[in-house]
Amino acid sequence: GFLHCVVTDCEFNSSKLNDIEYTESYYYNKLEYVRFSSSVGKYVGYTEYGIKNAERWNNGPEVIARRGEKERYCFHNVGIDVEADLTKS
């Protein structure tokens, strides 16, 4: 069988927006073929198929939508996670 998977991730050292990195990685059969990283600000392809998709997505509305995810998704949830962790410690 074949497996297609998309993994989104927020890595952070604090709840400050500058300390957060949002990534969205696309995998096919355990091989990452394209990734969006908020620190790079665009999609990067790692295979021939990934390079073609990255080029298309970087020239379309997809890249603009992903650039806002760091603030919309990560910043909101990191604040909740940090607050929860601090109250437990």
Protein backbone atom coordinates (compact mmCIF):
# COMPACT_ATOMS: atom_id res chain seq x y z
CA GLY A 1 0.00 0.00 0.00
CA PHE A 2 0.85 3.65 -0.25
CA LEU A 3 0.85 6.19 2.55
CA HIS A 4 0.45 9.94 2.19
CA CYS A 5 0.86 12.00 5.33
CA VAL A 6 0.96 15.71 6.21
CA VAL A 7 2.58 16.72 9.51
CA THR A 8 2.21 20.22 10.96
CA ASP A 9 4.43 21.26 13.80
CA CYS A 10 5.02 24.25 16.06
CA GLU A 11 8.43 24.35 17.70
CA PHE A 12 9.03 26.97 20.37
CA ASN A 13 11.34 28.10 23.16
CA SER A 14 8.93 30.67 24.60
CA SER A 15 5.49 32.09 23.88
CA LYS A 16 7.00 35.02 21.93
CA LEU A 17 6.11 34.99 18.24
CA ASN A 18 9.79 35.30 17.19
CA ASP A 19 10.66 32.10 19.11
CA ILE A 20 8.10 29.97 17.25
CA GLU A 21 8.64 28.05 14.02
CA TYR A 22 5.74 26.57 12.06
CA THR A 23 6.44 23.71 9.65
CA GLU A 24 4.19 21.68 7.41
CA SER A 25 5.81 18.58 5.90
CA TYR A 26 4.38 16.30 3.20
CA TYR A 27 5.40 12.63 3.13
CA TYR A 28 4.77 9.83 0.67
CA ASN A 29 5.81 6.33 1.75
CA LYS A 30 7.89 7.76 4.64
CA LEU A 31 9.83 10.08 2.29
CA GLU A 32 9.46 13.81 2.86
CA TYR A 33 8.99 15.43 -0.53
CA VAL A 34 8.05 19.04 0.29
CA ARG A 35 8.04 21.31 3.37
CA PHE A 36 6.85 24.77 4.32
CA SER A 37 8.84 26.45 7.08
CA SER A 38 7.92 29.81 8.58
CA SER A 39 11.62 30.60 9.03
CA VAL A 40 12.18 30.21 5.27
CA GLY A 41 8.78 31.67 4.36
CA LYS A 42 8.13 29.37 1.41
CA TYR A 43 7.79 25.76 0.31
CA VAL A 44 10.97 23.79 -0.41
CA GLY A 45 10.90 20.58 -2.45
CA TYR A 46 13.18 17.61 -1.76
CA THR A 47 12.23 15.33 -4.66
CA GLU A 48 11.39 16.00 -8.30
CA TYR A 49 7.68 15.86 -7.47
CA GLY A 50 8.19 18.03 -4.37
CA ILE A 51 10.14 20.67 -6.31
CA LYS A 52 7.31 20.94 -8.87
CA ASN A 53 4.71 21.29 -6.12
CA ALA A 54 6.82 23.80 -4.17
CA GLU A 55 7.21 25.95 -7.27
CA ARG A 56 3.47 25.87 -7.97
CA TRP A 57 2.48 26.53 -4.34
CA ASN A 58 5.02 29.36 -3.93
CA ASN A 59 3.40 31.14 -6.88
CA GLY A 60 -0.16 30.63 -5.67
CA PRO A 61 -2.37 31.46 -2.70
CA GLU A 62 -1.10 28.45 -0.72
CA VAL A 63 2.12 30.14 0.39
CA ILE A 64 0.27 33.24 1.61
CA ALA A 65 -2.10 31.07 3.66
CA ARG A 66 0.81 29.16 5.24
CA ARG A 67 2.67 32.34 6.17
CA GLY A 68 -0.22 33.26 8.46
CA GLU A 69 -0.34 29.89 10.23
CA LYS A 70 2.49 30.70 12.61
CA GLU A 71 0.46 33.50 14.16
CA ARG A 72 -3.01 31.99 13.71
CA TYR A 73 -2.34 28.42 14.80
CA CYS A 74 0.98 28.26 16.67
CA PHE A 75 0.94 31.53 18.60
CA HIS A 76 -2.57 30.86 19.91
CA ASN A 77 -1.88 27.24 20.93
CA VAL A 78 1.61 27.85 22.29
CA GLY A 79 0.18 30.45 24.66
CA ILE A 80 -2.33 27.91 25.94
CA ASP A 81 0.33 25.17 26.29
CA VAL A 82 2.84 27.43 28.09
CA GLU A 83 0.18 28.64 30.53
CA ALA A 84 -0.94 25.06 31.25
CA ASP A 85 2.64 23.90 31.81
CA LEU A 86 3.49 26.80 34.09
CA THR A 87 0.47 26.20 36.32
CA LYS A 88 1.46 22.53 36.75
CA SER A 89 5.10 23.15 37.68
